[in-house]
Amino acid sequence: MVFDGFVLFLSECGTATDPTGLEEAVCTATGPFGLLIIAVYSFLIAFLLPFPSEVVLAPSGTLRLGLSEPATIAVIIVVSGAGKALGSIFAFHIGQETKEYGPLLSLLERSRFDILGWSERKTVSIAKKYGYAGLALALCVPFFPDTISIYAFSILEDDYLKFATATFFGSAGRLVVTIGLAAGFFTIF
């Protein structure tokens, strides 16, 4: 399958940029316990860790759930999306608490000096214009830290269920986009 090339590409995950060993645990996850590892990893990257969420696709060929590879990928997408949606609720709560601190929101909107500042401003702009659909779309961008988008949106929005739903669909969408990009890339080579 074309996706095998992408899995091979991701097999290098869990290197020096992973001091916690979490990415390595995800990459080597197997069985139902592996799904729990994927869920916990996705939960943590929603509000705490700036790690790539695409890593959860790495064990799709070795997870050994007794399902076909496409079904295993679908299960990974759902489990990861659910984990990230739950983690986003924590981030959302923290964002709601920071609404009391207007200077933080002003800082997000005015930051001009680095890429993170630019991405935060863009995320805030999308949130103001498109609301929860904007959050889902922002989260569909592969290899961009979810934590930035989630916190920026959490300051501006106020519905926990809609926020978690948008996070779920955005996270699932990101993995589908990643698979599509990988399939196109590895078809060329």
C-alpha atoms as a PDB file:
ATOM      1  CA  MET A   1       0.000   0.000   0.000  1.00  0.00           C
ATOM      2  CA  VAL A   2       1.190   3.577  -0.681  1.00  0.00           C
ATOM      3  CA  PHE A   3       0.803   4.361   3.007  1.00  0.00           C
ATOM      4  CA  ASP A   4       3.581   1.884   3.842  1.00  0.00           C
ATOM      5  CA  GLY A   5       6.147   4.403   2.583  1.00  0.00           C
ATOM      6  CA  PHE A   6       4.793   7.005   4.970  1.00  0.00           C
ATOM      7  CA  VAL A   7       4.927   4.564   7.880  1.00  0.00           C
ATOM      8  CA  LEU A   8       8.552   3.850   6.986  1.00  0.00           C
ATOM      9  CA  PHE A   9       9.200   7.599   6.881  1.00  0.00           C
ATOM     10  CA  LEU A  10       7.687   7.982  10.358  1.00  0.00           C
ATOM     11  CA  SER A  11       9.635   5.025  11.727  1.00  0.00           C
ATOM     12  CA  GLU A  12      12.399   7.441  12.700  1.00  0.00           C
ATOM     13  CA  CYS A  13      10.139   9.093  15.266  1.00  0.00           C
ATOM     14  CA  GLY A  14      11.103   9.169  18.901  1.00  0.00           C
ATOM     15  CA  THR A  15      14.618  10.511  18.430  1.00  0.00           C
ATOM     16  CA  ALA A  16      16.516  13.296  20.197  1.00  0.00           C
ATOM     17  CA  THR A  17      13.542  15.650  19.907  1.00  0.00           C
ATOM     18  CA  ASP A  18      11.605  13.295  22.178  1.00  0.00           C
ATOM     19  CA  PRO A  19      13.172  13.607  25.637  1.00  0.00           C
ATOM     20  CA  THR A  20      10.100  12.091  27.304  1.00  0.00           C
ATOM     21  CA  GLY A  21      10.028   8.910  25.223  1.00  0.00           C
ATOM     22  CA  LEU A  22       6.339   9.443  24.409  1.00  0.00           C
ATOM     23  CA  GLU A  23       6.820   9.532  20.651  1.00  0.00           C
ATOM     24  CA  GLU A  24       8.824   6.312  20.844  1.00  0.00           C
ATOM     25  CA  ALA A  25       6.031   4.699  22.868  1.00  0.00           C
ATOM     26  CA  VAL A  26       3.504   5.729  20.216  1.00  0.00           C
ATOM     27  CA  CYS A  27       5.692   4.523  17.356  1.00  0.00           C
ATOM     28  CA  THR A  28       6.112   1.083  18.914  1.00  0.00           C
ATOM     29  CA  ALA A  29       2.552   0.745  20.256  1.00  0.00           C
ATOM     30  CA  THR A  30       0.808  -2.590  19.733  1.00  0.00           C
ATOM     31  CA  GLY A  31      -2.564  -4.079  20.565  1.00  0.00           C
ATOM     32  CA  PRO A  32      -5.353  -2.471  22.579  1.00  0.00           C
ATOM     33  CA  PHE A  33      -2.794  -1.059  25.031  1.00  0.00           C
ATOM     34  CA  GLY A  34      -1.217   0.670  22.023  1.00  0.00           C
ATOM     35  CA  LEU A  35      -4.522   2.426  21.403  1.00  0.00           C
ATOM     36  CA  LEU A  36      -4.475   3.631  25.008  1.00  0.00           C
ATOM     37  CA  ILE A  37      -0.966   5.018  24.449  1.00  0.00           C
ATOM     38  CA  ILE A  38      -2.200   6.824  21.318  1.00  0.00           C
ATOM     39  CA  ALA A  39      -5.163   8.262  23.246  1.00  0.00           C
ATOM     40  CA  VAL A  40      -2.969   9.481  26.135  1.00  0.00           C
ATOM     41  CA  TYR A  41      -0.419  10.981  23.724  1.00  0.00           C
ATOM     42  CA  SER A  42      -3.181  12.795  21.816  1.00  0.00           C
ATOM     43  CA  PHE A  43      -4.699  13.998  25.098  1.00  0.00           C
ATOM     44  CA  LEU A  44      -1.358  15.446  26.234  1.00  0.00           C
ATOM     45  CA  ILE A  45      -0.491  17.178  22.950  1.00  0.00           C
ATOM     46  CA  ALA A  46      -3.825  18.990  23.001  1.00  0.00           C
ATOM     47  CA  PHE A  47      -2.927  21.093  26.012  1.00  0.00           C
ATOM     48  CA  LEU A  48       0.613  20.447  27.160  1.00  0.00           C
ATOM     49  CA  LEU A  49       3.112  18.991  24.701  1.00  0.00           C
ATOM     50  CA  PRO A  50       4.188  20.622  21.418  1.00  0.00           C
ATOM     51  CA  PHE A  51       4.766  17.267  19.702  1.00  0.00           C
ATOM     52  CA  PRO A  52       3.495  16.303  16.232  1.00  0.00           C
ATOM     53  CA  SER A  53       0.150  14.541  16.274  1.00  0.00           C
ATOM     54  CA  GLU A  54       0.853  12.796  12.958  1.00  0.00           C
ATOM     55  CA  VAL A  55       3.122  10.354  14.798  1.00  0.00           C
ATOM     56  CA  VAL A  56       0.031   8.398  15.867  1.00  0.00           C
ATOM     57  CA  LEU A  57      -0.170   7.027  12.317  1.00  0.00           C
ATOM     58  CA  ALA A  58       3.237   5.329  12.609  1.00  0.00           C
ATOM     59  CA  PRO A  59       2.086   2.079  14.271  1.00  0.00           C
ATOM     60  CA  SER A  60      -0.772   1.498  11.800  1.00  0.00           C
ATOM     61  CA  GLY A  61       1.035  -1.403  10.157  1.00  0.00           C
ATOM     62  CA  THR A  62       2.209  -3.005  13.398  1.00  0.00           C
ATOM     63  CA  LEU A  63      -0.582  -2.280  15.893  1.00  0.00           C
ATOM     64  CA  ARG A  64      -1.915  -5.861  15.548  1.00  0.00           C
ATOM     65  CA  LEU A  65      -5.583  -5.292  16.278  1.00  0.00           C
ATOM     66  CA  GLY A  66      -6.741  -8.057  13.948  1.00  0.00           C
ATOM     67  CA  LEU A  67      -8.181  -5.525  11.514  1.00  0.00           C
ATOM     68  CA  SER A  68      -7.248  -4.603   7.969  1.00  0.00           C
ATOM     69  CA  GLU A  69      -4.789  -1.722   7.632  1.00  0.00           C
ATOM     70  CA  PRO A  70      -7.491   0.760   6.496  1.00  0.00           C
ATOM     71  CA  ALA A  71      -9.694  -0.250   9.452  1.00  0.00           C
ATOM     72  CA  THR A  72      -6.742   0.061  11.836  1.00  0.00           C
ATOM     73  CA  ILE A  73      -6.012   3.542  10.471  1.00  0.00           C
ATOM     74  CA  ALA A  74      -9.673   4.503  10.979  1.00  0.00           C
ATOM     75  CA  VAL A  75      -9.547   3.271  14.589  1.00  0.00           C
ATOM     76  CA  ILE A  76      -6.326   5.244  15.187  1.00  0.00           C
ATOM     77  CA  ILE A  77      -7.932   8.390  13.764  1.00  0.00           C
ATOM     78  CA  VAL A  78     -10.999   8.033  16.007  1.00  0.00           C
ATOM     79  CA  VAL A  79      -8.956   7.221  19.142  1.00  0.00           C
ATOM     80  CA  SER A  80      -6.521  10.068  18.511  1.00  0.00           C
ATOM     81  CA  GLY A  81      -9.336  12.520  17.776  1.00  0.00           C
ATOM     82  CA  ALA A  82     -11.154  11.505  20.959  1.00  0.00           C
ATOM     83  CA  GLY A  83      -7.986  11.851  23.036  1.00  0.00           C
ATOM     84  CA  LYS A  84      -7.292  15.273  21.598  1.00  0.00           C
ATOM     85  CA  ALA A  85     -10.912  16.363  22.125  1.00  0.00           C
ATOM     86  CA  LEU A  86     -10.671  15.401  25.810  1.00  0.00           C
ATOM     87  CA  GLY A  87      -7.334  17.183  26.153  1.00  0.00           C
ATOM     88  CA  SER A  88      -8.765  20.253  24.481  1.00  0.00           C
ATOM     89  CA  ILE A  89     -11.367  20.486  27.242  1.00  0.00           C
ATOM     90  CA  PHE A  90      -8.520  21.044  29.729  1.00  0.00           C
ATOM     91  CA  ALA A  91      -6.981  23.661  27.448  1.00  0.00           C
ATOM     92  CA  PHE A  92     -10.392  25.226  26.987  1.00  0.00           C
ATOM     93  CA  HIS A  93     -10.874  25.502  30.742  1.00  0.00           C
ATOM     94  CA  ILE A  94      -7.470  27.152  31.100  1.00  0.00           C
ATOM     95  CA  GLY A  95      -8.374  29.510  28.248  1.00  0.00           C
ATOM     96  CA  GLN A  96     -11.643  30.411  29.933  1.00  0.00           C
ATOM     97  CA  GLU A  97      -9.737  31.265  33.099  1.00  0.00           C
ATOM     98  CA  THR A  98      -7.332  33.512  31.164  1.00  0.00           C
ATOM     99  CA  LYS A  99     -10.216  35.529  29.714  1.00  0.00           C
ATOM    100  CA  GLU A 100     -10.135  37.395  32.990  1.00  0.00           C
ATOM    101  CA  TYR A 101      -6.648  38.527  32.036  1.00  0.00           C
ATOM    102  CA  GLY A 102      -7.184  40.841  29.058  1.00  0.00           C
ATOM    103  CA  PRO A 103      -3.456  41.515  28.616  1.00  0.00           C
ATOM    104  CA  LEU A 104      -2.914  37.883  27.517  1.00  0.00           C
ATOM    105  CA  LEU A 105      -5.452  38.184  24.688  1.00  0.00           C
ATOM    106  CA  SER A 106      -3.930  41.523  23.645  1.00  0.00           C
ATOM    107  CA  LEU A 107      -0.490  39.946  23.624  1.00  0.00           C
ATOM    108  CA  LEU A 108      -1.735  37.132  21.369  1.00  0.00           C
ATOM    109  CA  GLU A 109      -3.245  39.605  18.929  1.00  0.00           C
ATOM    110  CA  ARG A 110      -0.257  42.012  18.840  1.00  0.00           C
ATOM    111  CA  SER A 111       2.669  39.612  18.752  1.00  0.00           C
ATOM    112  CA  ARG A 112       4.690  40.376  15.584  1.00  0.00           C
ATOM    113  CA  PHE A 113       8.198  39.093  15.924  1.00  0.00           C
ATOM    114  CA  ASP A 114       8.275  35.353  15.449  1.00  0.00           C
ATOM    115  CA  ILE A 115       6.538  32.600  13.544  1.00  0.00           C
ATOM    116  CA  LEU A 116       4.608  31.502  16.628  1.00  0.00           C
ATOM    117  CA  GLY A 117       3.327  35.032  17.086  1.00  0.00           C
ATOM    118  CA  TRP A 118       2.262  35.176  13.450  1.00  0.00           C
ATOM    119  CA  SER A 119       0.510  31.809  13.685  1.00  0.00           C
ATOM    120  CA  GLU A 120      -1.234  32.874  16.883  1.00  0.00           C
ATOM    121  CA  ARG A 121      -2.522  36.042  15.186  1.00  0.00           C
ATOM    122  CA  LYS A 122      -3.732  34.025  12.205  1.00  0.00           C
ATOM    123  CA  THR A 123      -5.436  31.541  14.507  1.00  0.00           C
ATOM    124  CA  VAL A 124      -7.143  34.339  16.449  1.00  0.00           C
ATOM    125  CA  SER A 125      -8.237  35.910  13.151  1.00  0.00           C
ATOM    126  CA  ILE A 126      -9.697  32.597  11.927  1.00  0.00           C
ATOM    127  CA  ALA A 127     -11.443  32.079  15.275  1.00  0.00           C
ATOM    128  CA  LYS A 128     -13.054  35.505  15.133  1.00  0.00           C
ATOM    129  CA  LYS A 129     -14.175  35.034  11.546  1.00  0.00           C
ATOM    130  CA  TYR A 130     -15.227  31.356  11.414  1.00  0.00           C
ATOM    131  CA  GLY A 131     -15.743  30.266  15.024  1.00  0.00           C
ATOM    132  CA  TYR A 132     -15.708  26.542  15.714  1.00  0.00           C
ATOM    133  CA  ALA A 133     -15.493  25.617  12.020  1.00  0.00           C
ATOM    134  CA  GLY A 134     -12.349  27.754  11.902  1.00  0.00           C
ATOM    135  CA  LEU A 135     -10.885  25.773  14.782  1.00  0.00           C
ATOM    136  CA  ALA A 136     -11.557  22.505  12.959  1.00  0.00           C
ATOM    137  CA  LEU A 137      -9.976  23.889   9.778  1.00  0.00           C
ATOM    138  CA  ALA A 138      -6.939  25.260  11.633  1.00  0.00           C
ATOM    139  CA  LEU A 139      -6.376  21.859  13.226  1.00  0.00           C
ATOM    140  CA  CYS A 140      -6.420  20.182   9.799  1.00  0.00           C
ATOM    141  CA  VAL A 141      -3.042  21.724   8.948  1.00  0.00           C
ATOM    142  CA  PRO A 142      -0.443  18.929   9.190  1.00  0.00           C
ATOM    143  CA  PHE A 143       2.780  19.361  11.175  1.00  0.00           C
ATOM    144  CA  PHE A 144       1.619  22.560  12.915  1.00  0.00           C
ATOM    145  CA  PRO A 145       1.489  22.416  16.734  1.00  0.00           C
ATOM    146  CA  ASP A 146      -2.110  21.895  17.848  1.00  0.00           C
ATOM    147  CA  THR A 147      -1.499  23.454  21.219  1.00  0.00           C
ATOM    148  CA  ILE A 148      -1.196  26.972  19.733  1.00  0.00           C
ATOM    149  CA  SER A 149      -4.504  26.758  17.860  1.00  0.00           C
ATOM    150  CA  ILE A 150      -6.334  25.165  20.765  1.00  0.00           C
ATOM    151  CA  TYR A 151      -5.259  27.800  23.286  1.00  0.00           C
ATOM    152  CA  ALA A 152      -5.855  30.709  20.919  1.00  0.00           C
ATOM    153  CA  PHE A 153      -9.398  29.486  20.216  1.00  0.00           C
ATOM    154  CA  SER A 154     -10.086  28.660  23.851  1.00  0.00           C
ATOM    155  CA  ILE A 155      -9.680  32.317  24.807  1.00  0.00           C
ATOM    156  CA  LEU A 156     -12.252  33.447  22.244  1.00  0.00           C
ATOM    157  CA  GLU A 157     -14.938  30.757  22.403  1.00  0.00           C
ATOM    158  CA  ASP A 158     -17.232  29.648  25.231  1.00  0.00           C
ATOM    159  CA  ASP A 159     -18.943  26.302  24.505  1.00  0.00           C
ATOM    160  CA  TYR A 160     -17.126  23.217  25.808  1.00  0.00           C
ATOM    161  CA  LEU A 161     -19.063  20.681  23.722  1.00  0.00           C
ATOM    162  CA  LYS A 162     -18.722  22.602  20.446  1.00  0.00           C
ATOM    163  CA  PHE A 163     -15.043  23.186  21.198  1.00  0.00           C
ATOM    164  CA  ALA A 164     -14.376  19.481  21.842  1.00  0.00           C
ATOM    165  CA  THR A 165     -16.385  18.498  18.738  1.00  0.00           C
ATOM    166  CA  ALA A 166     -14.448  20.944  16.542  1.00  0.00           C
ATOM    167  CA  THR A 167     -11.196  19.635  18.004  1.00  0.00           C
ATOM    168  CA  PHE A 168     -12.196  16.038  17.275  1.00  0.00           C
ATOM    169  CA  PHE A 169     -13.106  16.734  13.656  1.00  0.00           C
ATOM    170  CA  GLY A 170     -10.079  18.974  13.107  1.00  0.00           C
ATOM    171  CA  SER A 171      -7.751  16.332  14.545  1.00  0.00           C
ATOM    172  CA  ALA A 172      -9.291  13.575  12.462  1.00  0.00           C
ATOM    173  CA  GLY A 173      -9.162  15.841   9.417  1.00  0.00           C
ATOM    174  CA  ARG A 174      -5.460  16.516   9.989  1.00  0.00           C
ATOM    175  CA  LEU A 175      -4.668  12.808   9.972  1.00  0.00           C
ATOM    176  CA  VAL A 176      -6.733  12.277   6.805  1.00  0.00           C
ATOM    177  CA  VAL A 177      -4.964  15.227   5.118  1.00  0.00           C
ATOM    178  CA  THR A 178      -1.606  13.822   6.242  1.00  0.00           C
ATOM    179  CA  ILE A 179      -2.437  10.433   4.739  1.00  0.00           C
ATOM    180  CA  GLY A 180      -3.539  12.113   1.497  1.00  0.00           C
ATOM    181  CA  LEU A 181      -0.350  14.160   1.294  1.00  0.00           C
ATOM    182  CA  ALA A 182       1.757  11.102   2.047  1.00  0.00           C
ATOM    183  CA  ALA A 183      -0.033   9.038  -0.576  1.00  0.00           C
ATOM    184  CA  GLY A 184       0.595  11.737  -3.165  1.00  0.00           C
ATOM    185  CA  PHE A 185       4.220  12.183  -2.148  1.00  0.00           C
ATOM    186  CA  PHE A 186       5.082   8.491  -2.101  1.00  0.00           C
ATOM    187  CA  THR A 187       3.252   7.865  -5.374  1.00  0.00           C
ATOM    188  CA  ILE A 188       5.612  10.340  -7.038  1.00  0.00           C
ATOM    189  CA  PHE A 189       8.682   8.558  -5.678  1.00  0.00           C
END
